Amino acid sequence: MSGTVGAGDDAEALLRERLRRADERIEVPAGLWARVKGAGPGPASGPRAAHKASASPLSSHRRAYALALAVAATVAAVVLGAWWLVRPGAGERQPAAGVRAVPVTVYNSESACRRIRSLECGLRLARDPHVRYAARDNSAGRVWHGDVLAAHCVIADGRLVRDEAGVTSTRWYLVTARRGVTGWLPGVRTRNTREVPYC
């Protein structure tokens, strides 16, 4: 139990640190707060100043509101992005207790690789089905065409993957290979016809 709490605390501390760094990187445009309050950055002269003087107070309030809204949207996007990077439980879903594994066969759409067990013909098992499949640190192991894997469960909201034949899927299977390697197999890398329970 204490290990779970410690992992949650670590994730929370990491998220707080990333949010703090992201917040420090946000640069507020010069004079923003003065414009939001309605007071310009200082006295101006020339035709632009005359145009500003003739503008109605309502339009300056609209501009200030739009600017504040844009800043709030930017901050929300940064916070959401930081949360997505360190979201708790990413790639750590486990099958329901007592669920038996379903055998699924690996399928390689490149016919030249169906008989070769070379590194180039190996298909990746991912660590996290929500991260880019080809990301350097998203590899849990390799499998080859014809390998029979034990599928524990499936998700339908993973990262979209397209195979060499153009088939796409957001389904990912949590599988274990014969050597005991566990990872996520994209749905496009199998032609499964058996029902697999959801994670």
N, C-alpha and C. Protein backbone atom coordinates (compact mmCIF):
# COMPACT_ATOMS: atom_id res chain seq x y z
N MET A 1 0.84 -1.21 0.00
CA MET A 1 0.00 0.00 0.00
C MET A 1 0.87 1.26 0.00
N SER A 2 1.94 1.24 0.82
CA SER A 2 2.80 2.41 0.89
C SER A 2 3.50 2.67 -0.43
N GLY A 3 3.80 1.57 -1.19
CA GLY A 3 4.43 1.73 -2.49
C GLY A 3 3.54 2.48 -3.46
N THR A 4 2.23 2.19 -3.39
CA THR A 4 1.28 2.87 -4.27
C THR A 4 1.20 4.35 -3.96
N VAL A 5 1.15 4.66 -2.66
CA VAL A 5 1.08 6.07 -2.27
C VAL A 5 2.35 6.79 -2.69
N GLY A 6 3.51 6.14 -2.52
CA GLY A 6 4.78 6.76 -2.90
C GLY A 6 4.81 7.05 -4.39
N ALA A 7 4.31 6.12 -5.21
CA ALA A 7 4.31 6.33 -6.66
C ALA A 7 3.39 7.50 -7.02
N GLY A 8 2.24 7.59 -6.33
CA GLY A 8 1.32 8.71 -6.57
C GLY A 8 1.94 10.03 -6.18
N ASP A 9 2.66 10.01 -5.04
CA ASP A 9 3.33 11.24 -4.59
C ASP A 9 4.40 11.67 -5.58
N ASP A 10 5.16 10.68 -6.11
CA ASP A 10 6.20 11.00 -7.09
C ASP A 10 5.58 11.60 -8.35
N ALA A 11 4.48 11.02 -8.82
CA ALA A 11 3.83 11.54 -10.03
C ALA A 11 3.30 12.95 -9.78
N GLU A 12 2.74 13.16 -8.59
CA GLU A 12 2.22 14.48 -8.26
C GLU A 12 3.34 15.51 -8.17
N ALA A 13 4.46 15.13 -7.55
CA ALA A 13 5.60 16.04 -7.44
C ALA A 13 6.16 16.36 -8.81
N LEU A 14 6.23 15.35 -9.69
CA LEU A 14 6.72 15.57 -11.05
C LEU A 14 5.80 16.51 -11.82
N LEU A 15 4.49 16.30 -11.68
CA LEU A 15 3.52 17.17 -12.34
C LEU A 15 3.64 18.60 -11.83
N ARG A 16 3.76 18.77 -10.52
CA ARG A 16 3.90 20.11 -9.96
C ARG A 16 5.15 20.81 -10.50
N GLU A 17 6.26 20.07 -10.57
CA GLU A 17 7.52 20.64 -11.06
C GLU A 17 7.38 21.05 -12.53
N ARG A 18 6.75 20.20 -13.35
CA ARG A 18 6.58 20.53 -14.77
C ARG A 18 5.66 21.73 -14.95
N LEU A 19 4.61 21.79 -14.14
CA LEU A 19 3.70 22.94 -14.23
C LEU A 19 4.42 24.22 -13.81
N ARG A 20 5.26 24.13 -12.76
CA ARG A 20 6.00 25.31 -12.31
C ARG A 20 6.93 25.80 -13.41
N ARG A 21 7.65 24.84 -14.06
CA ARG A 21 8.57 25.23 -15.13
C ARG A 21 7.81 25.81 -16.32
N ALA A 22 6.66 25.22 -16.64
CA ALA A 22 5.87 25.73 -17.77
C ALA A 22 5.36 27.13 -17.44
N ASP A 23 4.94 27.36 -16.19
CA ASP A 23 4.44 28.65 -15.77
C ASP A 23 5.55 29.71 -15.86
N GLU A 24 6.79 29.32 -15.51
CA GLU A 24 7.89 30.27 -15.58
C GLU A 24 8.23 30.65 -17.01
N ARG A 25 7.94 29.75 -17.97
CA ARG A 25 8.26 30.03 -19.37
C ARG A 25 7.23 30.92 -20.06
N ILE A 26 6.05 31.07 -19.48
CA ILE A 26 5.03 31.91 -20.10
C ILE A 26 5.44 33.37 -19.95
N GLU A 27 5.55 34.04 -21.08
CA GLU A 27 5.93 35.45 -21.05
C GLU A 27 4.68 36.29 -21.27
N VAL A 28 4.44 37.19 -20.34
CA VAL A 28 3.30 38.09 -20.45
C VAL A 28 3.70 39.26 -21.34
N PRO A 29 2.95 39.52 -22.40
CA PRO A 29 3.30 40.64 -23.28
C PRO A 29 3.37 41.95 -22.50
N ALA A 30 4.30 42.80 -22.90
CA ALA A 30 4.49 44.08 -22.21
C ALA A 30 3.20 44.89 -22.26
N GLY A 31 2.81 45.42 -21.15
CA GLY A 31 1.63 46.27 -21.07
C GLY A 31 0.31 45.54 -21.05
N LEU A 32 0.33 44.19 -20.96
CA LEU A 32 -0.92 43.42 -21.01
C LEU A 32 -1.86 43.82 -19.89
N TRP A 33 -1.35 43.81 -18.66
CA TRP A 33 -2.25 44.07 -17.53
C TRP A 33 -2.80 45.50 -17.57
N ALA A 34 -1.99 46.43 -18.05
CA ALA A 34 -2.49 47.81 -18.16
C ALA A 34 -3.61 47.88 -19.20
N ARG A 35 -3.44 47.15 -20.32
CA ARG A 35 -4.50 47.15 -21.34
C ARG A 35 -5.75 46.46 -20.84
N VAL A 36 -5.57 45.39 -20.05
CA VAL A 36 -6.73 44.68 -19.51
C VAL A 36 -7.52 45.58 -18.58
N LYS A 37 -6.81 46.38 -17.78
CA LYS A 37 -7.48 47.29 -16.86
C LYS A 37 -8.12 48.46 -17.58
N GLY A 38 -7.75 48.68 -18.84
CA GLY A 38 -8.36 49.77 -19.59
C GLY A 38 -7.44 50.96 -19.73
N ALA A 39 -6.35 50.99 -18.98
CA ALA A 39 -5.40 52.09 -19.10
C ALA A 39 -4.32 51.66 -20.08
N GLY A 40 -4.06 52.41 -21.10
CA GLY A 40 -3.05 52.07 -22.10
C GLY A 40 -1.66 52.07 -21.49
N PRO A 41 -0.66 51.62 -22.26
CA PRO A 41 0.70 51.56 -21.74
C PRO A 41 1.31 52.92 -21.52
N GLY A 42 0.67 53.95 -21.95
CA GLY A 42 1.21 55.29 -21.74
C GLY A 42 0.61 56.23 -22.77
N PRO A 43 0.94 57.52 -22.67
CA PRO A 43 0.38 58.45 -23.62
C PRO A 43 0.92 58.18 -25.02
N ALA A 44 0.05 58.27 -26.01
CA ALA A 44 0.45 58.05 -27.39
C ALA A 44 0.07 59.27 -28.20
N SER A 45 0.71 59.41 -29.32
CA SER A 45 0.40 60.55 -30.17
C SER A 45 0.28 60.08 -31.60
N GLY A 46 -0.22 60.92 -32.45
CA GLY A 46 -0.32 60.59 -33.87
C GLY A 46 -1.69 60.05 -34.22
N PRO A 47 -1.83 59.57 -35.48
CA PRO A 47 -3.12 59.12 -35.96
C PRO A 47 -3.66 57.92 -35.19
N ARG A 48 -2.74 57.04 -34.74
CA ARG A 48 -3.22 55.87 -34.00
C ARG A 48 -3.85 56.30 -32.68
N ALA A 49 -3.23 57.28 -32.02
CA ALA A 49 -3.79 57.79 -30.76
C ALA A 49 -5.15 58.41 -31.00
N ALA A 50 -5.29 59.12 -32.11
CA ALA A 50 -6.58 59.73 -32.42
C ALA A 50 -7.63 58.66 -32.65
N HIS A 51 -7.24 57.59 -33.34
CA HIS A 51 -8.18 56.50 -33.58
C HIS A 51 -8.60 55.85 -32.26
N LYS A 52 -7.60 55.66 -31.34
CA LYS A 52 -7.91 55.08 -30.04
C LYS A 52 -8.85 55.96 -29.26
N ALA A 53 -8.62 57.25 -29.34
CA ALA A 53 -9.45 58.17 -28.59
C ALA A 53 -10.89 58.12 -29.10
N SER A 54 -11.05 57.88 -30.42
CA SER A 54 -12.40 57.86 -30.96
C SER A 54 -13.07 56.51 -30.75
N ALA A 55 -12.29 55.45 -30.43
CA ALA A 55 -12.88 54.13 -30.23
C ALA A 55 -13.76 54.14 -28.99
N SER A 56 -14.85 53.42 -29.07
CA SER A 56 -15.77 53.40 -27.94
C SER A 56 -15.18 52.58 -26.80
N PRO A 57 -15.57 52.89 -25.55
CA PRO A 57 -15.09 52.12 -24.41
C PRO A 57 -15.51 50.65 -24.52
N LEU A 58 -16.64 50.39 -25.18
CA LEU A 58 -17.13 49.03 -25.32
C LEU A 58 -16.16 48.18 -26.14
N SER A 59 -15.62 48.74 -27.24
CA SER A 59 -14.69 47.96 -28.07
C SER A 59 -13.38 47.70 -27.33
N SER A 60 -12.90 48.64 -26.52
CA SER A 60 -11.67 48.39 -25.77
C SER A 60 -11.90 47.32 -24.71
N HIS A 61 -13.09 47.27 -24.15
CA HIS A 61 -13.41 46.21 -23.19
C HIS A 61 -13.46 44.86 -23.89
N ARG A 62 -13.98 44.83 -25.11
CA ARG A 62 -14.03 43.58 -25.88
C ARG A 62 -12.63 43.08 -26.19
N ARG A 63 -11.75 44.02 -26.59
CA ARG A 63 -10.38 43.63 -26.87
C ARG A 63 -9.69 43.09 -25.62
N ALA A 64 -9.91 43.76 -24.50
CA ALA A 64 -9.30 43.31 -23.25
C ALA A 64 -9.84 41.93 -22.87
N TYR A 65 -11.12 41.72 -23.06
CA TYR A 65 -11.74 40.43 -22.75
C TYR A 65 -11.18 39.34 -23.66
N ALA A 66 -11.04 39.64 -24.96
CA ALA A 66 -10.49 38.66 -25.90
C ALA A 66 -9.04 38.32 -25.55
N LEU A 67 -8.27 39.32 -25.17
CA LEU A 67 -6.88 39.09 -24.81
C LEU A 67 -6.78 38.24 -23.54
N ALA A 68 -7.60 38.55 -22.55
CA ALA A 68 -7.60 37.76 -21.31
C ALA A 68 -8.02 36.33 -21.59
N LEU A 69 -9.00 36.17 -22.48
CA LEU A 69 -9.47 34.84 -22.85
C LEU A 69 -8.36 34.05 -23.56
N ALA A 70 -7.60 34.71 -24.43
CA ALA A 70 -6.49 34.04 -25.14
C ALA A 70 -5.41 33.60 -24.15
N VAL A 71 -5.09 34.44 -23.18
CA VAL A 71 -4.09 34.09 -22.17
C VAL A 71 -4.58 32.90 -21.34
N ALA A 72 -5.86 32.91 -20.95
CA ALA A 72 -6.41 31.80 -20.17
C ALA A 72 -6.39 30.50 -20.97
N ALA A 73 -6.69 30.59 -22.27
CA ALA A 73 -6.67 29.39 -23.11
C ALA A 73 -5.26 28.84 -23.24
N THR A 74 -4.26 29.72 -23.35
CA THR A 74 -2.87 29.29 -23.46
C THR A 74 -2.43 28.58 -22.18
N VAL A 75 -2.76 29.17 -21.04
CA VAL A 75 -2.40 28.56 -19.76
C VAL A 75 -3.08 27.20 -19.61
N ALA A 76 -4.36 27.11 -19.99
CA ALA A 76 -5.09 25.85 -19.91
C ALA A 76 -4.45 24.79 -20.80
N ALA A 77 -4.01 25.19 -22.00
CA ALA A 77 -3.36 24.25 -22.92
C ALA A 77 -2.05 23.73 -22.33
N VAL A 78 -1.27 24.61 -21.70
CA VAL A 78 0.00 24.20 -21.09
C VAL A 78 -0.27 23.23 -19.94
N VAL A 79 -1.26 23.54 -19.10
CA VAL A 79 -1.59 22.68 -17.97
C VAL A 79 -2.06 21.31 -18.46
N LEU A 80 -2.94 21.30 -19.47
CA LEU A 80 -3.45 20.05 -20.01
C LEU A 80 -2.32 19.22 -20.62
N GLY A 81 -1.42 19.88 -21.34
CA GLY A 81 -0.28 19.17 -21.93
C GLY A 81 0.62 18.57 -20.87
N ALA A 82 0.87 19.32 -19.80
CA ALA A 82 1.71 18.81 -18.72
C ALA A 82 1.05 17.62 -18.03
N TRP A 83 -0.27 17.72 -17.82
CA TRP A 83 -0.99 16.60 -17.20
C TRP A 83 -0.92 15.36 -18.09
N TRP A 84 -1.07 15.56 -19.41
CA TRP A 84 -1.06 14.43 -20.33
C TRP A 84 0.28 13.69 -20.28
N LEU A 85 1.37 14.44 -20.09
CA LEU A 85 2.69 13.80 -20.04
C LEU A 85 2.88 12.93 -18.81
N VAL A 86 2.30 13.35 -17.68
CA VAL A 86 2.54 12.62 -16.43
C VAL A 86 1.26 12.08 -15.81
N ARG A 87 0.23 11.91 -16.64
CA ARG A 87 -1.04 11.43 -16.11
C ARG A 87 -0.85 10.11 -15.37
N PRO A 88 -1.51 9.94 -14.23
CA PRO A 88 -1.33 8.72 -13.46
C PRO A 88 -1.95 7.53 -14.19
N GLY A 89 -1.25 6.41 -14.15
CA GLY A 89 -1.78 5.17 -14.72
C GLY A 89 -1.60 5.03 -16.21
N ALA A 90 -0.89 5.96 -16.87
CA ALA A 90 -0.70 5.86 -18.31
C ALA A 90 0.10 4.61 -18.63
N GLY A 91 -0.47 3.76 -19.45
CA GLY A 91 0.22 2.54 -19.86
C GLY A 91 0.31 1.48 -18.77
N GLU A 92 -0.37 1.68 -17.64
CA GLU A 92 -0.26 0.73 -16.54
C GLU A 92 -1.57 0.00 -16.27
N ARG A 93 -2.48 -0.02 -17.22
CA ARG A 93 -3.75 -0.71 -17.01
C ARG A 93 -3.48 -2.20 -16.84
N GLN A 94 -4.25 -2.81 -16.00
CA GLN A 94 -4.08 -4.23 -15.74
C GLN A 94 -5.39 -4.95 -16.08
N PRO A 95 -5.30 -6.21 -16.47
CA PRO A 95 -6.52 -6.96 -16.75
C PRO A 95 -7.31 -7.20 -15.47
N ALA A 96 -8.60 -7.42 -15.62
CA ALA A 96 -9.44 -7.71 -14.46
C ALA A 96 -9.00 -9.03 -13.84
N ALA A 97 -9.09 -9.11 -12.53
CA ALA A 97 -8.66 -10.32 -11.83
C ALA A 97 -9.49 -11.51 -12.28
N GLY A 98 -8.83 -12.64 -12.47
CA GLY A 98 -9.54 -13.86 -12.83
C GLY A 98 -9.85 -14.01 -14.31
N VAL A 99 -9.45 -13.05 -15.14
CA VAL A 99 -9.74 -13.12 -16.57
C VAL A 99 -8.66 -13.96 -17.24
N ARG A 100 -9.08 -14.94 -18.05
CA ARG A 100 -8.11 -15.80 -18.74
C ARG A 100 -7.62 -15.09 -19.99
N ALA A 101 -6.35 -15.32 -20.31
CA ALA A 101 -5.76 -14.72 -21.51
C ALA A 101 -6.33 -15.39 -22.76
N VAL A 102 -6.48 -14.59 -23.81
CA VAL A 102 -6.99 -15.07 -25.09
C VAL A 102 -5.81 -15.09 -26.06
N PRO A 103 -5.58 -16.20 -26.75
CA PRO A 103 -4.46 -16.23 -27.70
C PRO A 103 -4.75 -15.37 -28.93
N VAL A 104 -3.79 -14.52 -29.30
CA VAL A 104 -3.88 -13.73 -30.54
C VAL A 104 -2.59 -13.96 -31.32
N THR A 105 -2.71 -13.96 -32.63
CA THR A 105 -1.56 -14.20 -33.50
C THR A 105 -1.09 -12.90 -34.12
N VAL A 106 0.22 -12.67 -34.09
CA VAL A 106 0.81 -11.46 -34.66
C VAL A 106 0.71 -11.53 -36.19
N TYR A 107 0.34 -10.39 -36.78
CA TYR A 107 0.21 -10.31 -38.23
C TYR A 107 1.06 -9.16 -38.75
N ASN A 108 1.96 -9.46 -39.70
CA ASN A 108 2.77 -8.43 -40.34
C ASN A 108 2.23 -8.23 -41.75
N SER A 109 1.81 -7.03 -42.07
CA SER A 109 1.22 -6.77 -43.39
C SER A 109 2.26 -6.78 -44.51
N GLU A 110 3.55 -6.73 -44.16
CA GLU A 110 4.59 -6.82 -45.18
C GLU A 110 4.89 -8.29 -45.44
N SER A 111 4.47 -8.76 -46.61
CA SER A 111 4.61 -10.18 -46.92
C SER A 111 6.07 -10.63 -46.92
N ALA A 112 7.01 -9.76 -47.28
CA ALA A 112 8.43 -10.13 -47.29
C ALA A 112 8.94 -10.46 -45.89
N CYS A 113 8.29 -9.96 -44.85
CA CYS A 113 8.75 -10.17 -43.48
C CYS A 113 8.04 -11.32 -42.78
N ARG A 114 7.15 -12.01 -43.46
CA ARG A 114 6.38 -13.05 -42.77
C ARG A 114 7.19 -14.30 -42.46
N ARG A 115 8.29 -14.52 -43.16
CA ARG A 115 9.10 -15.71 -42.91
C ARG A 115 10.45 -15.38 -42.29
N ILE A 116 10.74 -14.09 -42.12
CA ILE A 116 12.06 -13.67 -41.62
C ILE A 116 11.94 -13.16 -40.20
N ARG A 117 12.79 -13.65 -39.32
CA ARG A 117 12.78 -13.18 -37.93
C ARG A 117 13.97 -12.27 -37.68
N SER A 118 14.18 -11.33 -38.57
CA SER A 118 15.28 -10.37 -38.41
C SER A 118 14.80 -9.19 -37.58
N LEU A 119 15.73 -8.37 -37.15
CA LEU A 119 15.40 -7.18 -36.37
C LEU A 119 14.51 -6.24 -37.18
N GLU A 120 14.81 -6.13 -38.48
CA GLU A 120 14.03 -5.23 -39.34
C GLU A 120 12.59 -5.69 -39.50
N CYS A 121 12.35 -6.99 -39.38
CA CYS A 121 11.00 -7.52 -39.56
C CYS A 121 10.25 -7.67 -38.23
N GLY A 122 10.91 -7.37 -37.12
CA GLY A 122 10.26 -7.45 -35.82
C GLY A 122 9.25 -6.32 -35.65
N LEU A 123 8.17 -6.61 -34.95
CA LEU A 123 7.14 -5.61 -34.67
C LEU A 123 7.20 -5.27 -33.19
N ARG A 124 7.05 -4.02 -32.89
CA ARG A 124 7.25 -3.52 -31.54
C ARG A 124 6.03 -3.76 -30.65
N LEU A 125 6.30 -4.14 -29.41
CA LEU A 125 5.30 -4.07 -28.35
C LEU A 125 5.56 -2.76 -27.63
N ALA A 126 4.52 -1.96 -27.42
CA ALA A 126 4.70 -0.64 -26.81
C ALA A 126 4.55 -0.72 -25.29
N ARG A 127 5.18 0.25 -24.62
CA ARG A 127 5.01 0.39 -23.17
C ARG A 127 3.69 1.11 -22.85
N ASP A 128 3.34 2.08 -23.69
CA ASP A 128 2.16 2.91 -23.44
C ASP A 128 1.36 3.06 -24.73
N PRO A 129 0.11 2.63 -24.75
CA PRO A 129 -0.69 2.71 -25.97
C PRO A 129 -1.17 4.12 -26.31
N HIS A 130 -0.90 5.08 -25.44
CA HIS A 130 -1.33 6.46 -25.69
C HIS A 130 -0.18 7.35 -26.18
N VAL A 131 1.01 6.78 -26.25
CA VAL A 131 2.18 7.51 -26.71
C VAL A 131 2.46 7.09 -28.14
N ARG A 132 3.14 7.97 -28.91
CA ARG A 132 3.46 7.65 -30.31
C ARG A 132 4.15 6.29 -30.37
N TYR A 133 3.62 5.41 -31.22
CA TYR A 133 4.09 4.02 -31.32
C TYR A 133 5.58 3.94 -31.59
N ALA A 134 6.09 4.80 -32.47
CA ALA A 134 7.50 4.74 -32.86
C ALA A 134 8.42 5.54 -31.94
N ALA A 135 7.90 6.10 -30.85
CA ALA A 135 8.75 6.88 -29.95
C ALA A 135 9.87 5.99 -29.40
N ARG A 136 11.07 6.54 -29.31
CA ARG A 136 12.26 5.78 -28.93
C ARG A 136 12.10 5.04 -27.61
N ASP A 137 11.49 5.67 -26.62
CA ASP A 137 11.38 5.04 -25.30
C ASP A 137 10.05 4.33 -25.09
N ASN A 138 9.33 4.03 -26.17
CA ASN A 138 8.04 3.36 -26.05
C ASN A 138 8.11 1.93 -26.56
N SER A 139 9.15 1.23 -26.20
CA SER A 139 9.31 -0.16 -26.65
C SER A 139 9.46 -1.08 -25.45
N ALA A 140 8.61 -2.12 -25.42
CA ALA A 140 8.69 -3.12 -24.35
C ALA A 140 9.33 -4.40 -24.85
N GLY A 141 9.42 -4.56 -26.17
CA GLY A 141 9.99 -5.77 -26.75
C GLY A 141 9.57 -5.91 -28.20
N ARG A 142 9.94 -7.03 -28.82
CA ARG A 142 9.61 -7.28 -30.23
C ARG A 142 8.93 -8.63 -30.38
N VAL A 143 8.07 -8.72 -31.40
CA VAL A 143 7.42 -9.96 -31.78
C VAL A 143 7.48 -10.05 -33.30
N TRP A 144 7.21 -11.24 -33.83
CA TRP A 144 7.28 -11.45 -35.27
C TRP A 144 6.01 -12.10 -35.78
N HIS A 145 5.81 -11.99 -37.07
CA HIS A 145 4.63 -12.55 -37.73
C HIS A 145 4.47 -14.03 -37.35
N GLY A 146 3.27 -14.39 -36.96
CA GLY A 146 2.97 -15.78 -36.60
C GLY A 146 3.13 -16.09 -35.13
N ASP A 147 3.78 -15.20 -34.35
CA ASP A 147 3.89 -15.44 -32.90
C ASP A 147 2.50 -15.45 -32.28
N VAL A 148 2.28 -16.38 -31.37
CA VAL A 148 1.01 -16.44 -30.65
C VAL A 148 1.25 -15.82 -29.27
N LEU A 149 0.49 -14.77 -28.98
CA LEU A 149 0.63 -14.03 -27.72
C LEU A 149 -0.59 -14.25 -26.85
N ALA A 150 -0.42 -14.08 -25.54
CA ALA A 150 -1.54 -14.16 -24.61
C ALA A 150 -2.09 -12.76 -24.39
N ALA A 151 -3.29 -12.50 -24.91
CA ALA A 151 -3.92 -11.18 -24.75
C ALA A 151 -4.74 -11.18 -23.48
N HIS A 152 -4.41 -10.27 -22.57
CA HIS A 152 -5.10 -10.18 -21.29
C HIS A 152 -6.35 -9.32 -21.39
N CYS A 153 -6.24 -8.20 -22.13
CA CYS A 153 -7.37 -7.30 -22.27
C CYS A 153 -7.08 -6.34 -23.42
N VAL A 154 -8.08 -5.53 -23.77
CA VAL A 154 -7.95 -4.62 -24.90
C VAL A 154 -8.53 -3.25 -24.52
N ILE A 155 -7.96 -2.20 -25.12
CA ILE A 155 -8.55 -0.86 -24.99
C ILE A 155 -8.90 -0.38 -26.39
N ALA A 156 -9.86 0.52 -26.49
CA ALA A 156 -10.29 1.02 -27.80
C ALA A 156 -9.95 2.48 -27.99
N ASP A 157 -9.30 3.11 -27.00
CA ASP A 157 -9.02 4.55 -27.08
C ASP A 157 -7.52 4.84 -27.12
N GLY A 158 -6.74 3.92 -27.66
CA GLY A 158 -5.29 4.13 -27.74
C GLY A 158 -4.94 5.04 -28.92
N ARG A 159 -3.67 5.22 -29.11
CA ARG A 159 -3.16 6.04 -30.21
C ARG A 159 -3.49 5.38 -31.54
N LEU A 160 -3.91 6.16 -32.52
CA LEU A 160 -4.22 5.63 -33.85
C LEU A 160 -2.94 5.17 -34.52
N VAL A 161 -2.95 3.92 -35.02
CA VAL A 161 -1.80 3.36 -35.72
C VAL A 161 -2.26 2.90 -37.10
N ARG A 162 -1.40 3.16 -38.11
CA ARG A 162 -1.67 2.74 -39.49
C ARG A 162 -0.57 1.77 -39.90
N ASP A 163 -0.96 0.61 -40.45
CA ASP A 163 0.07 -0.33 -40.91
C ASP A 163 0.46 -0.04 -42.35
N GLU A 164 1.38 -0.83 -42.88
CA GLU A 164 1.92 -0.59 -44.22
C GLU A 164 0.88 -0.75 -45.32
N ALA A 165 -0.21 -1.47 -45.03
CA ALA A 165 -1.28 -1.66 -46.03
C ALA A 165 -2.35 -0.58 -45.91
N GLY A 166 -2.20 0.35 -44.94
CA GLY A 166 -3.18 1.43 -44.78
C GLY A 166 -4.29 1.14 -43.78
N VAL A 167 -4.26 -0.03 -43.13
CA VAL A 167 -5.27 -0.37 -42.13
C VAL A 167 -4.97 0.44 -40.86
N THR A 168 -6.02 1.03 -40.27
CA THR A 168 -5.83 1.83 -39.05
C THR A 168 -6.67 1.27 -37.90
N SER A 169 -6.23 1.55 -36.69
CA SER A 169 -6.97 1.11 -35.51
C SER A 169 -6.49 1.88 -34.29
N THR A 170 -7.42 2.08 -33.34
CA THR A 170 -7.07 2.65 -32.04
C THR A 170 -7.14 1.57 -30.95
N ARG A 171 -7.39 0.32 -31.36
CA ARG A 171 -7.44 -0.81 -30.41
C ARG A 171 -6.02 -1.26 -30.10
N TRP A 172 -5.76 -1.53 -28.83
CA TRP A 172 -4.46 -2.03 -28.39
C TRP A 172 -4.70 -3.18 -27.41
N TYR A 173 -3.94 -4.25 -27.57
CA TYR A 173 -4.06 -5.44 -26.73
C TYR A 173 -2.90 -5.49 -25.74
N LEU A 174 -3.23 -5.69 -24.47
CA LEU A 174 -2.19 -5.92 -23.46
C LEU A 174 -1.83 -7.40 -23.55
N VAL A 175 -0.61 -7.69 -23.99
CA VAL A 175 -0.22 -9.07 -24.29
C VAL A 175 1.06 -9.46 -23.56
N THR A 176 1.24 -10.77 -23.45
CA THR A 176 2.48 -11.32 -22.95
C THR A 176 3.00 -12.31 -23.98
N ALA A 177 4.28 -12.14 -24.36
CA ALA A 177 4.90 -13.04 -25.32
C ALA A 177 5.44 -14.27 -24.60
N ARG A 178 5.88 -15.25 -25.37
CA ARG A 178 6.37 -16.51 -24.78
C ARG A 178 7.54 -16.30 -23.84
N ARG A 179 8.38 -15.33 -24.11
CA ARG A 179 9.55 -15.09 -23.24
C ARG A 179 9.18 -14.29 -21.99
N GLY A 180 7.91 -14.04 -21.77
CA GLY A 180 7.47 -13.32 -20.59
C GLY A 180 7.43 -11.82 -20.73
N VAL A 181 7.72 -11.30 -21.94
CA VAL A 181 7.68 -9.86 -22.17
C VAL A 181 6.22 -9.42 -22.27
N THR A 182 5.86 -8.40 -21.50
CA THR A 182 4.50 -7.86 -21.54
C THR A 182 4.52 -6.47 -22.13
N GLY A 183 3.58 -6.19 -23.01
CA GLY A 183 3.48 -4.87 -23.63
C GLY A 183 2.17 -4.74 -24.38
N TRP A 184 2.04 -3.68 -25.14
CA TRP A 184 0.81 -3.38 -25.88
C TRP A 184 1.02 -3.62 -27.37
N LEU A 185 0.17 -4.45 -27.96
CA LEU A 185 0.22 -4.76 -29.39
C LEU A 185 -0.88 -3.96 -30.09
N PRO A 186 -0.53 -3.14 -31.10
CA PRO A 186 -1.57 -2.39 -31.82
C PRO A 186 -2.51 -3.35 -32.54
N GLY A 187 -3.77 -2.98 -32.63
CA GLY A 187 -4.76 -3.82 -33.29
C GLY A 187 -4.43 -4.12 -34.74
N VAL A 188 -3.69 -3.21 -35.41
CA VAL A 188 -3.34 -3.45 -36.81
C VAL A 188 -2.30 -4.54 -36.96
N ARG A 189 -1.68 -4.97 -35.86
CA ARG A 189 -0.65 -6.00 -35.91
C ARG A 189 -1.20 -7.39 -35.59
N THR A 190 -2.50 -7.54 -35.65
CA THR A 190 -3.13 -8.85 -35.50
C THR A 190 -4.41 -8.84 -36.31
N ARG A 191 -4.90 -10.01 -36.65
CA ARG A 191 -6.20 -10.14 -37.31
C ARG A 191 -7.09 -10.97 -36.39
N ASN A 192 -7.18 -10.53 -35.15
CA ASN A 192 -7.87 -11.26 -34.11
C ASN A 192 -9.36 -11.41 -34.43
N THR A 193 -9.89 -12.60 -34.22
CA THR A 193 -11.32 -12.85 -34.42
C THR A 193 -11.99 -13.31 -33.13
N ARG A 194 -11.24 -13.30 -32.03
CA ARG A 194 -11.79 -13.75 -30.75
C ARG A 194 -12.07 -12.55 -29.86
N GLU A 195 -13.07 -12.70 -29.02
CA GLU A 195 -13.45 -11.62 -28.09
C GLU A 195 -12.44 -11.53 -26.97
N VAL A 196 -11.91 -10.31 -26.74
CA VAL A 196 -10.96 -10.06 -25.66
C VAL A 196 -11.61 -9.05 -24.72
N PRO A 197 -11.60 -9.29 -23.40
CA PRO A 197 -12.26 -8.36 -22.48
C PRO A 197 -11.56 -7.00 -22.43
N TYR A 198 -12.33 -5.95 -22.13
CA TYR A 198 -11.77 -4.62 -21.99
C TYR A 198 -11.01 -4.50 -20.68
N CYS A 199 -9.95 -3.72 -20.71
CA CYS A 199 -9.12 -3.50 -19.52
C CYS A 199 -9.89 -2.68 -18.49
